[in-house]
Structure formats: structure tokens, C-alpha cells
């Protein structure tokens, strides 16, 4: 507040009768139903994969697949692999893990504050069209420190790491009494917001023009939250979809890393297939994964992080290679299932962009350039290796702009982008 108006924050909140902290609120307008909606599934392993076995040789449609890409060749025309993409000024090794979908610069800086992630930006633009605007998932995740999803104010959104809990959220219908209780709680929250608005209106006459504008913005945020609560109330009484898939049992053994990833990918696919959401993020927290089963009952020599600093040791490299191959095989299975699943008059894969990549170009040397990036599905014209300057990388956010435009979101900017990605068409 201005100096000539001695009204401090404490007095302001006292006059409102309640203290509430509000983040920036998304628009929740309900768009017209789409016959062929666009969807996104974004997957990141925060320790990356071995680059020597990921990037192909040659470029364009006549590239020669690498060892890893050879696992996907049954769907060669359904994906594009990229070389020479990264986030400008996003450096600092492992500290970049939370910036994969935000492109926020200088994550090791003392004044660093994250920015909005791609999934949340898309959800804001599209409005509330599904029960869950987005689903943020994780495997072996340190929920207090890591997430792919961040609000416009740079606040971490914790991920769901329990397939059983996610299944309940998506498919278990509460009783009529439970639904009524949920709606009542939402209405109580809305009444609190009304009280804030009513009791602070009189303050406007005591504020400067600038502060009145700020107060109007604050009230606008309150009204946007009211719309979100109203939409949540509508979904609370809307029947949930049904599935023939049995409820999963959580795998509590963190060493069963591959099995946990397989289980969570299945849940992500179910969420998209049932239109519970159209935007899913999945963070594989390899950094928090200790010694794990990399092949049947064979265990790694050390935890995933130490393994990634292989120092060219043959045994470490072989275990990483097998682990990476298993992840690529799971990606192939995901593509296979989505391609064989029809949604309206096209496949689920045609509707869904699958982004697979990492914030680490090379975990062994803590490199954050030339990131391993693959995009499948979504109706793009695929089947190629797109090569950009490996020294002076093209912004990865250019690909993000192309993905947003593919979802019919009118924008030419996101993060550090300079436009959409040249040569990628849909």
C-alpha cells in the first residue's frame, strides 16, 4: 500500500476477516465438445539415457536407427527423433530436472524461481473439459523436491505416485452421501470467498488508483476460483467412467523400478483412454532410485545415480544399457496399445502426443545440451530424424510451441521459444 495511505497488509486481512493466499487462477470456461480431442503424455527420466545408443545416424526419413530406436521400428512412421535441442541457459546438471517442461533459466541461481510448465499452460488455455484438467504422476518420486508440473507462480505441484490411489480417483464412484458431502465442502469454500469480497469492498475508497487496480485483480482471482469450485462440484456428481481393468496393487519395493514404471504407464494410458484427462505428465525419478532390479532378479552394482556416473566402466554401461532398453520397450508397448485403440474415427495414438526425453543430455558429465528427445503420435508427419545444430542448440520450447498449436492453442511463444519448430508439420 502507498505511504500516504497507512493501511498495511495485516489491517487489510483483518478487515476481510480471513487470510487466504491465492495463486494465479486458470480460466475454466467449458469449450465445445471435440469429436477428436488432442491429448498429451509427457515423460521424463531425470538421469536421461546413454546418448551413444539413442541418437541415430543420418537424418531425415532415411536415418539409420540406433540400438534404442531399433526397439521402436515397428512404429517408425509414428515418431520423430530430434538432435540439437535444449533449453537455453538451463544449466547446472541435476538442478535442471524441474525445468524440463518450464524452460526456466539459471536454476542454480540464488534468485531462481520456476515458471509455468507446459502441461499447466495448456490446461489454462483449454479450460475445464475433463474431470482432471491434468494428471501429474511420478515413479520413485521425491515429492517434496521434484515435479514436472509447476504453476504460473512457480509452485511445485506434487505428483501422484500410487497407481491404486489414482485408480480410485478415476473409477471409484462414491456414495450419494459422499458426493453430497464433497459438494457441501466446495460450497463452504465458495462462501468464504464471497465473504472476503463483500467485506473488502469498502476498502476501495481508501486506496490509490494503483492499489484499487491490484485489489480488482485480487477479486478477479477470487471469482476465477469460484468458477473452478463450481466446476469441481459438477464433476463431483457426474458418474465416473467404467473400466474392465482390475484395480492395481501398489508396488512398494522401490527396487522394482521397471515394474513400477510399467504400472504407471498403464494408468496414464487408462486416464487418456477414458477421457478422465487429456494431459498427463510422468516424472521418472531415477535420482531417488537406489539399487534396483535391471533384469529379472539381477540387481545393479549401485544406485541409479552412481550408475549414471559410469566413467566408461563396462559393467556400469551394460547395466544402464539394459535399463534403457527396457524403458524403450515400455514406450513401444505404449505406442502399440494406443495405435490399436480407436477413439472416434482415429487411433488414440493419432490423438495423443507422447513426448519422451530428459533434462540431462549426458548424466555422466552433467551435460544439459543436446537432450534426448522423441515425439510420437498426435497426428504429426513423423518418420524422421530432425537434426539441429549440436553446438548452438535450437530451443526445446520451439517443439513445445508446436505441441500447443497441435492442441489448437493459439500461441507462438512458450518459455524460451523463438517460434514453432521448423520442419515439424501436422
Protein backbone atom coordinates (compact mmCIF):
# COMPACT_ATOMS: atom_id res chain seq x y z
CA UNK A 1 0.00 0.00 0.00
CA UNK A 2 1.12 3.53 -0.62
CA UNK A 3 2.81 5.57 2.10
CA UNK A 4 0.07 8.21 2.27
CA UNK A 5 -2.48 5.52 2.99
CA UNK A 6 -1.29 3.78 6.16
CA UNK A 7 -3.19 0.58 5.55
CA UNK A 8 -0.84 -2.37 5.93
CA UNK A 9 -1.42 -5.97 4.88
CA UNK A 10 -2.39 -7.05 8.39
CA UNK A 11 -5.13 -4.40 8.56
CA UNK A 12 -6.33 -5.39 5.11
CA UNK A 13 -6.68 -9.04 6.07
CA UNK A 14 -8.22 -8.17 9.44
CA UNK A 15 -10.92 -6.16 7.66
CA UNK A 16 -11.58 -9.13 5.42
CA UNK A 17 -11.97 -11.36 8.47
CA UNK A 18 -9.88 -14.17 6.99
CA UNK A 19 -6.46 -14.73 5.50
CA UNK A 20 -6.19 -16.55 2.19
CA UNK A 21 -3.34 -16.98 -0.24
CA UNK A 22 -4.35 -17.34 -3.87
CA UNK A 23 -2.20 -18.44 -6.79
CA UNK A 24 -2.83 -17.24 -10.32
CA UNK A 25 -6.09 -18.90 -11.43
CA UNK A 26 -6.77 -20.52 -14.76
CA UNK A 27 -9.75 -19.81 -16.94
CA UNK A 28 -12.26 -22.61 -16.59
CA UNK A 29 -14.61 -21.99 -19.45
CA UNK A 30 -16.09 -25.14 -20.86
CA UNK A 31 -15.19 -25.50 -24.51
CA UNK A 32 -17.43 -27.15 -27.04
CA UNK A 33 -17.05 -30.93 -27.05
CA UNK A 34 -14.46 -32.16 -29.53
CA UNK A 35 -15.05 -35.26 -31.59
CA UNK A 36 -11.30 -35.87 -31.93
CA UNK A 37 -9.66 -34.13 -28.97
CA UNK A 38 -5.92 -33.70 -28.75
CA UNK A 39 -4.01 -35.13 -25.80
CA UNK A 40 -0.50 -35.04 -24.35
CA UNK A 41 1.59 -37.55 -22.39
CA UNK A 42 4.97 -36.15 -21.34
CA UNK A 43 7.58 -38.49 -19.83
CA UNK A 44 10.98 -37.55 -18.41
CA UNK A 45 13.73 -39.58 -16.76
CA UNK A 46 15.76 -37.09 -14.72
CA UNK A 47 19.01 -39.01 -15.31
CA UNK A 48 18.43 -39.43 -19.01
CA UNK A 49 19.70 -42.31 -21.09
CA UNK A 50 23.00 -43.22 -22.70
CA UNK A 51 23.29 -40.81 -25.67
CA UNK A 52 25.59 -43.12 -27.64
CA UNK A 53 22.75 -45.61 -28.05
CA UNK A 54 19.92 -43.13 -28.52
CA UNK A 55 20.80 -40.80 -31.39
CA UNK A 56 20.59 -42.33 -34.89
CA UNK A 57 22.99 -41.79 -37.78
CA UNK A 58 21.89 -39.88 -40.85
CA UNK A 59 18.97 -37.52 -40.95
CA UNK A 60 15.57 -37.05 -42.48
CA UNK A 61 13.45 -40.07 -43.36
CA UNK A 62 16.41 -42.25 -44.33
CA UNK A 63 18.20 -42.29 -40.98
CA UNK A 64 19.71 -45.48 -39.58
CA UNK A 65 18.17 -46.27 -36.18
CA UNK A 66 20.31 -46.56 -33.08
CA UNK A 67 20.22 -49.50 -30.68
CA UNK A 68 17.46 -47.86 -28.62
CA UNK A 69 15.40 -46.60 -31.56
CA UNK A 70 15.56 -50.05 -33.08
CA UNK A 71 13.10 -51.07 -30.35
CA UNK A 72 10.54 -48.71 -31.90
CA UNK A 73 10.97 -49.51 -35.59
CA UNK A 74 7.59 -51.22 -35.87
CA UNK A 75 6.27 -47.66 -35.43
CA UNK A 76 8.95 -45.82 -37.37
CA UNK A 77 6.35 -43.65 -39.13
CA UNK A 78 4.69 -42.77 -35.84
CA UNK A 79 7.53 -40.87 -34.16
CA UNK A 80 10.23 -38.26 -34.77
CA UNK A 81 13.59 -38.16 -33.05
CA UNK A 82 15.49 -34.90 -32.56
CA UNK A 83 19.14 -33.88 -32.22
CA UNK A 84 20.35 -30.46 -31.17
CA UNK A 85 17.52 -29.37 -28.86
CA UNK A 86 17.89 -27.97 -25.33
CA UNK A 87 16.75 -25.13 -23.08
CA UNK A 88 18.97 -22.02 -23.37
CA UNK A 89 20.64 -21.01 -20.08
CA UNK A 90 19.18 -24.01 -18.26
CA UNK A 91 22.42 -25.34 -16.86
CA UNK A 92 23.65 -26.90 -13.65
CA UNK A 93 23.43 -30.65 -14.09
CA UNK A 94 20.80 -32.26 -11.89
CA UNK A 95 19.32 -28.91 -10.82
CA UNK A 96 17.65 -28.71 -14.24
CA UNK A 97 15.32 -31.64 -13.52
CA UNK A 98 12.39 -29.40 -12.55
CA UNK A 99 12.85 -27.21 -15.65
CA UNK A 100 12.22 -29.83 -18.33
CA UNK A 101 8.69 -28.59 -19.05
CA UNK A 102 9.21 -24.97 -17.93
CA UNK A 103 12.49 -23.86 -19.57
CA UNK A 104 13.11 -21.55 -16.58
CA UNK A 105 16.64 -20.17 -16.82
CA UNK A 106 19.57 -20.48 -14.38
CA UNK A 107 18.09 -22.99 -11.90
CA UNK A 108 21.23 -22.80 -9.72
CA UNK A 109 20.94 -19.03 -9.29
CA UNK A 110 20.20 -17.60 -5.85
CA UNK A 111 17.17 -15.73 -7.21
CA UNK A 112 15.81 -18.65 -9.23
CA UNK A 113 12.08 -19.09 -9.38
CA UNK A 114 10.45 -21.64 -11.63
CA UNK A 115 7.81 -20.75 -14.20
CA UNK A 116 4.68 -22.40 -15.53
CA UNK A 117 5.09 -25.85 -17.04
CA UNK A 118 3.84 -26.90 -20.46
CA UNK A 119 1.02 -29.05 -19.08
CA UNK A 120 -0.34 -26.30 -16.84
CA UNK A 121 -0.10 -23.71 -19.61
CA UNK A 122 -2.10 -25.99 -21.90
CA UNK A 123 -4.68 -26.65 -19.15
CA UNK A 124 -5.14 -22.91 -18.59
CA UNK A 125 -5.72 -22.35 -22.29
CA UNK A 126 -8.11 -25.25 -22.80
CA UNK A 127 -10.23 -24.77 -19.68
CA UNK A 128 -12.01 -27.48 -17.69
CA UNK A 129 -13.05 -30.06 -20.29
CA UNK A 130 -12.41 -33.23 -18.30
CA UNK A 131 -12.71 -34.39 -14.69
CA UNK A 132 -8.99 -33.73 -14.19
CA UNK A 133 -7.53 -30.77 -16.13
CA UNK A 134 -4.15 -32.52 -15.83
CA UNK A 135 -2.70 -35.53 -14.04
CA UNK A 136 0.82 -35.27 -12.64
CA UNK A 137 2.37 -38.69 -12.00
CA UNK A 138 5.69 -39.98 -10.71
CA UNK A 139 7.77 -43.11 -10.19
CA UNK A 140 10.02 -43.36 -7.09
CA UNK A 141 9.48 -39.63 -6.76
CA UNK A 142 10.77 -37.36 -4.03
CA UNK A 143 7.50 -35.42 -3.91
CA UNK A 144 8.90 -32.61 -1.78
CA UNK A 145 11.60 -31.69 -4.28
CA UNK A 146 10.67 -32.83 -7.76
CA UNK A 147 7.84 -32.50 -10.24
CA UNK A 148 7.29 -31.89 -13.94
CA UNK A 149 4.28 -29.69 -13.14
CA UNK A 150 4.61 -26.10 -11.90
CA UNK A 151 2.06 -23.32 -11.52
CA UNK A 152 2.30 -19.89 -13.12
CA UNK A 153 3.72 -18.64 -9.82
CA UNK A 154 6.47 -21.26 -9.92
CA UNK A 155 4.99 -23.50 -7.24
CA UNK A 156 5.66 -27.25 -7.40
CA UNK A 157 2.59 -29.43 -7.92
CA UNK A 158 3.15 -32.75 -6.10
CA UNK A 159 2.76 -35.87 -8.21
CA UNK A 160 0.63 -38.94 -7.59
CA UNK A 161 2.92 -41.94 -7.14
CA UNK A 162 0.28 -44.50 -6.15
CA UNK A 163 -1.46 -46.32 -9.04
CA UNK A 164 -4.06 -47.67 -6.58
CA UNK A 165 -4.96 -44.16 -5.39
CA UNK A 166 -5.11 -42.90 -8.96
CA UNK A 167 -7.39 -45.78 -9.95
CA UNK A 168 -9.73 -44.85 -7.09
CA UNK A 169 -9.78 -41.20 -8.13
CA UNK A 170 -10.62 -42.08 -11.71
CA UNK A 171 -13.02 -45.01 -11.41
CA UNK A 172 -14.41 -45.46 -7.88
CA UNK A 173 -17.77 -43.72 -7.52
CA UNK A 174 -18.56 -42.54 -4.00
CA UNK A 175 -21.97 -42.99 -2.46
CA UNK A 176 -24.67 -40.34 -2.83
CA UNK A 177 -23.92 -39.20 0.72
CA UNK A 178 -20.21 -38.87 0.00
CA UNK A 179 -20.89 -36.90 -3.18
CA UNK A 180 -23.19 -34.57 -1.26
CA UNK A 181 -20.50 -34.00 1.36
CA UNK A 182 -17.96 -33.09 -1.32
CA UNK A 183 -20.34 -30.59 -2.90
CA UNK A 184 -21.12 -29.09 0.52
CA UNK A 185 -17.43 -28.59 1.27
CA UNK A 186 -16.96 -26.85 -2.07
CA UNK A 187 -19.90 -24.57 -1.34
CA UNK A 188 -18.45 -23.68 2.06
CA UNK A 189 -15.20 -22.65 0.41
CA UNK A 190 -17.11 -20.54 -2.09
CA UNK A 191 -18.99 -18.79 0.73
CA UNK A 192 -15.66 -17.85 2.33
CA UNK A 193 -14.61 -16.25 -0.93
CA UNK A 194 -17.88 -14.31 -1.05
CA UNK A 195 -17.23 -13.06 2.48
CA UNK A 196 -13.79 -11.80 1.51
CA UNK A 197 -15.21 -9.96 -1.47
CA UNK A 198 -18.10 -8.36 0.46
CA UNK A 199 -16.08 -7.21 3.48
CA UNK A 200 -13.27 -5.63 1.49
CA UNK A 201 -15.34 -3.64 -1.00
CA UNK A 202 -15.47 -0.68 1.39
CA UNK A 203 -11.69 -0.51 1.37
CA UNK A 204 -11.63 0.72 -2.22
CA UNK A 205 -12.40 4.30 -1.20
CA UNK A 206 -9.21 4.41 0.90
CA UNK A 207 -6.85 3.10 -1.76
CA UNK A 208 -4.83 4.73 -4.50
CA UNK A 209 -5.64 4.11 -8.15
CA UNK A 210 -2.79 1.61 -8.39
CA UNK A 211 -3.90 -0.29 -5.28
CA UNK A 212 -7.53 -0.35 -6.46
CA UNK A 213 -6.30 -2.00 -9.64
CA UNK A 214 -4.40 -4.58 -7.60
CA UNK A 215 -7.49 -5.20 -5.48
CA UNK A 216 -9.60 -5.68 -8.61
CA UNK A 217 -7.08 -8.25 -9.83
CA UNK A 218 -7.34 -9.97 -6.46
CA UNK A 219 -11.14 -10.12 -6.72
CA UNK A 220 -10.88 -11.40 -10.26
CA UNK A 221 -8.73 -14.26 -8.96
CA UNK A 222 -11.38 -14.99 -6.33
CA UNK A 223 -14.08 -15.19 -8.98
CA UNK A 224 -11.94 -17.47 -11.12
CA UNK A 225 -11.51 -19.75 -8.11
CA UNK A 226 -15.28 -19.72 -7.61
CA UNK A 227 -15.69 -20.94 -11.19
CA UNK A 228 -13.24 -23.74 -10.51
CA UNK A 229 -15.14 -24.74 -7.38
CA UNK A 230 -18.40 -24.72 -9.32
CA UNK A 231 -16.87 -26.96 -12.00
CA UNK A 232 -15.50 -29.28 -9.31
CA UNK A 233 -18.98 -29.53 -7.83
CA UNK A 234 -20.40 -30.53 -11.20
CA UNK A 235 -17.78 -33.25 -11.63
CA UNK A 236 -18.39 -34.50 -8.08
CA UNK A 237 -21.89 -35.62 -9.06
CA UNK A 238 -21.01 -36.75 -12.60
CA UNK A 239 -20.73 -40.54 -12.92
CA UNK A 240 -17.17 -41.75 -13.34
CA UNK A 241 -16.19 -43.90 -16.33
CA UNK A 242 -16.10 -47.66 -16.02
CA UNK A 243 -13.21 -49.95 -16.88
CA UNK A 244 -12.70 -53.69 -17.14
CA UNK A 245 -9.15 -53.31 -15.86
CA UNK A 246 -8.84 -54.62 -12.28
CA UNK A 247 -7.66 -52.21 -9.58
CA UNK A 248 -3.86 -52.25 -9.32
CA UNK A 249 -1.90 -53.09 -6.21
CA UNK A 250 0.88 -50.64 -5.46
CA UNK A 251 4.41 -51.97 -5.79
CA UNK A 252 6.05 -50.75 -2.61
CA UNK A 253 9.52 -52.13 -3.40
CA UNK A 254 11.36 -49.18 -4.99
CA UNK A 255 13.93 -51.61 -6.38
CA UNK A 256 11.20 -52.87 -8.78
CA UNK A 257 11.71 -49.71 -10.76
CA UNK A 258 10.82 -51.06 -14.22
CA UNK A 259 7.66 -52.78 -12.98
CA UNK A 260 6.55 -49.57 -11.25
CA UNK A 261 7.10 -47.60 -14.45
CA UNK A 262 5.12 -50.16 -16.45
CA UNK A 263 2.25 -49.92 -13.95
CA UNK A 264 2.16 -46.12 -14.02
CA UNK A 265 2.28 -46.01 -17.82
CA UNK A 266 -0.76 -48.28 -17.84
CA UNK A 267 -2.58 -45.87 -15.53
CA UNK A 268 -1.61 -42.90 -17.71
CA UNK A 269 -2.97 -44.72 -20.75
CA UNK A 270 -6.24 -45.51 -18.95
CA UNK A 271 -6.62 -41.87 -17.95
CA UNK A 272 -6.31 -40.75 -21.56
CA UNK A 273 -8.41 -43.58 -22.99
CA UNK A 274 -11.34 -42.86 -20.66
CA UNK A 275 -11.01 -39.09 -21.19
CA UNK A 276 -10.51 -38.61 -17.46
CA UNK A 277 -7.90 -36.09 -18.55
CA UNK A 278 -6.20 -35.05 -21.77
CA UNK A 279 -2.88 -34.01 -20.28
CA UNK A 280 -0.56 -36.30 -18.30
CA UNK A 281 2.99 -35.79 -17.04
CA UNK A 282 5.14 -38.62 -15.71
CA UNK A 283 8.45 -38.00 -13.97
CA UNK A 284 10.79 -40.95 -13.53
CA UNK A 285 12.88 -40.03 -10.51
CA UNK A 286 15.95 -42.11 -11.27
CA UNK A 287 17.96 -39.88 -8.93
CA UNK A 288 15.96 -41.24 -5.96
CA UNK A 289 16.16 -44.83 -7.17
CA UNK A 290 18.70 -46.90 -5.25
CA UNK A 291 19.96 -50.33 -6.22
CA UNK A 292 17.29 -51.85 -8.46
CA UNK A 293 16.40 -54.91 -10.49
CA UNK A 294 17.54 -54.16 -14.01
CA UNK A 295 16.94 -57.62 -15.49
CA UNK A 296 14.74 -60.24 -13.84
CA UNK A 297 16.24 -60.65 -10.36
CA UNK A 298 19.64 -59.23 -11.26
CA UNK A 299 20.42 -56.11 -9.27
CA UNK A 300 22.55 -53.14 -10.26
CA UNK A 301 26.02 -52.64 -8.77
CA UNK A 302 24.92 -49.35 -7.20
CA UNK A 303 22.07 -46.86 -7.10
CA UNK A 304 20.83 -45.32 -10.37
CA UNK A 305 22.62 -42.01 -9.76
CA UNK A 306 26.02 -43.58 -9.13
CA UNK A 307 25.40 -45.91 -12.06
CA UNK A 308 24.83 -42.93 -14.35
CA UNK A 309 28.32 -41.66 -13.46
CA UNK A 310 29.73 -44.72 -15.15
CA UNK A 311 33.16 -43.30 -16.02
CA UNK A 312 33.13 -45.63 -19.05
CA UNK A 313 33.20 -48.70 -16.78
CA UNK A 314 31.96 -51.64 -18.82
CA UNK A 315 29.78 -53.23 -16.14
CA UNK A 316 28.03 -49.93 -15.35
CA UNK A 317 27.45 -49.19 -19.02
CA UNK A 318 25.98 -52.63 -19.65
CA UNK A 319 23.51 -52.31 -16.77
CA UNK A 320 22.47 -48.82 -17.95
CA UNK A 321 22.08 -50.12 -21.49
CA UNK A 322 19.73 -52.91 -20.39
CA UNK A 323 17.76 -50.49 -18.19
CA UNK A 324 17.39 -48.01 -21.05
CA UNK A 325 16.33 -50.75 -23.44
CA UNK A 326 13.60 -51.86 -21.06
CA UNK A 327 12.29 -48.29 -20.87
CA UNK A 328 12.26 -48.05 -24.67
CA UNK A 329 10.39 -51.34 -24.84
CA UNK A 330 7.77 -49.95 -22.46
CA UNK A 331 7.48 -46.90 -24.70
CA UNK A 332 6.99 -49.22 -27.68
CA UNK A 333 4.22 -51.05 -25.82
CA UNK A 334 2.54 -47.76 -25.04
CA UNK A 335 2.60 -46.75 -28.70
CA UNK A 336 1.38 -50.20 -29.77
CA UNK A 337 -1.61 -50.13 -27.44
CA UNK A 338 -2.57 -46.55 -28.33
CA UNK A 339 -2.33 -47.27 -32.04
CA UNK A 340 -4.63 -50.28 -31.70
CA UNK A 341 -7.18 -48.36 -29.62
CA UNK A 342 -9.82 -46.48 -31.58
CA UNK A 343 -11.23 -43.18 -30.36
CA UNK A 344 -13.98 -41.87 -32.62
CA UNK A 345 -12.63 -42.25 -36.17
CA UNK A 346 -8.90 -42.35 -35.39
CA UNK A 347 -6.47 -44.11 -33.08
CA UNK A 348 -5.67 -42.94 -29.58
CA UNK A 349 -2.06 -42.50 -30.76
CA UNK A 350 -3.19 -40.14 -33.53
CA UNK A 351 -4.87 -38.05 -30.85
CA UNK A 352 -2.08 -38.25 -28.27
CA UNK A 353 1.34 -36.62 -28.43
CA UNK A 354 3.85 -38.72 -26.47
CA UNK A 355 6.92 -36.70 -25.52
CA UNK A 356 9.82 -38.75 -24.18
CA UNK A 357 13.04 -37.11 -23.04
CA UNK A 358 15.19 -35.77 -20.25
CA UNK A 359 16.76 -32.64 -18.83
CA UNK A 360 20.12 -34.45 -18.98
CA UNK A 361 22.00 -34.70 -22.25
CA UNK A 362 24.70 -36.79 -20.59
CA UNK A 363 24.37 -37.61 -16.90
CA UNK A 364 27.95 -38.90 -16.72
CA UNK A 365 29.31 -35.41 -17.47
CA UNK A 366 26.35 -33.38 -16.11
CA UNK A 367 25.63 -32.01 -19.59
CA UNK A 368 22.32 -30.25 -20.24
CA UNK A 369 22.62 -29.74 -24.00
CA UNK A 370 21.68 -31.92 -26.98
CA UNK A 371 18.90 -33.54 -25.00
CA UNK A 372 17.47 -36.95 -25.95
CA UNK A 373 14.04 -36.01 -27.29
CA UNK A 374 11.44 -38.12 -29.07
CA UNK A 375 7.89 -37.19 -30.05
CA UNK A 376 5.34 -39.78 -31.12
CA UNK A 377 1.73 -39.61 -32.28
CA UNK A 378 -0.52 -36.57 -32.19
CA UNK A 379 -1.16 -36.51 -35.93
CA UNK A 380 2.26 -35.07 -36.82
CA UNK A 381 4.04 -36.08 -40.00
CA UNK A 382 6.61 -38.36 -38.42
CA UNK A 383 9.17 -40.90 -39.55
CA UNK A 384 12.26 -38.72 -39.50
CA UNK A 385 15.37 -37.66 -37.61
CA UNK A 386 15.35 -33.88 -37.34
CA UNK A 387 18.88 -32.56 -36.87
CA UNK A 388 19.64 -29.12 -35.45
CA UNK A 389 22.95 -27.51 -34.52
CA UNK A 390 24.52 -29.68 -31.83
CA UNK A 391 26.74 -26.84 -30.64
CA UNK A 392 24.29 -23.95 -30.77
CA UNK A 393 21.11 -25.79 -29.92
CA UNK A 394 17.61 -24.84 -31.01
CA UNK A 395 15.27 -24.10 -28.08
CA UNK A 396 13.34 -27.18 -26.98
CA UNK A 397 10.48 -24.76 -26.27
CA UNK A 398 10.04 -24.41 -30.04
CA UNK A 399 8.86 -28.02 -30.01
CA UNK A 400 6.58 -27.13 -27.09
CA UNK A 401 5.01 -24.34 -29.18
CA UNK A 402 4.33 -26.84 -31.98
CA UNK A 403 2.70 -29.17 -29.45
CA UNK A 404 0.50 -26.37 -28.10
CA UNK A 405 -0.56 -25.39 -31.60
CA UNK A 406 -1.34 -29.04 -32.29
CA UNK A 407 -3.80 -28.83 -29.39
CA UNK A 408 -5.46 -25.86 -31.12
CA UNK A 409 -3.97 -23.39 -28.66
CA UNK A 410 -3.19 -20.14 -30.45
CA UNK A 411 0.27 -19.13 -29.33
CA UNK A 412 3.68 -18.51 -30.87
CA UNK A 413 5.56 -18.32 -27.58
CA UNK A 414 6.36 -20.52 -24.64
CA UNK A 415 9.35 -20.37 -22.31
CA UNK A 416 12.49 -19.53 -24.26
CA UNK A 417 10.98 -20.28 -27.68
CA UNK A 418 11.68 -18.30 -30.82
CA UNK A 419 8.59 -19.65 -32.56
CA UNK A 420 7.39 -23.10 -33.54
CA UNK A 421 9.84 -25.85 -34.57
CA UNK A 422 10.81 -25.56 -38.23
CA UNK A 423 10.16 -28.67 -40.31
CA UNK A 424 7.68 -30.39 -37.97
CA UNK A 425 4.24 -30.45 -39.52
CA UNK A 426 0.81 -31.79 -38.67
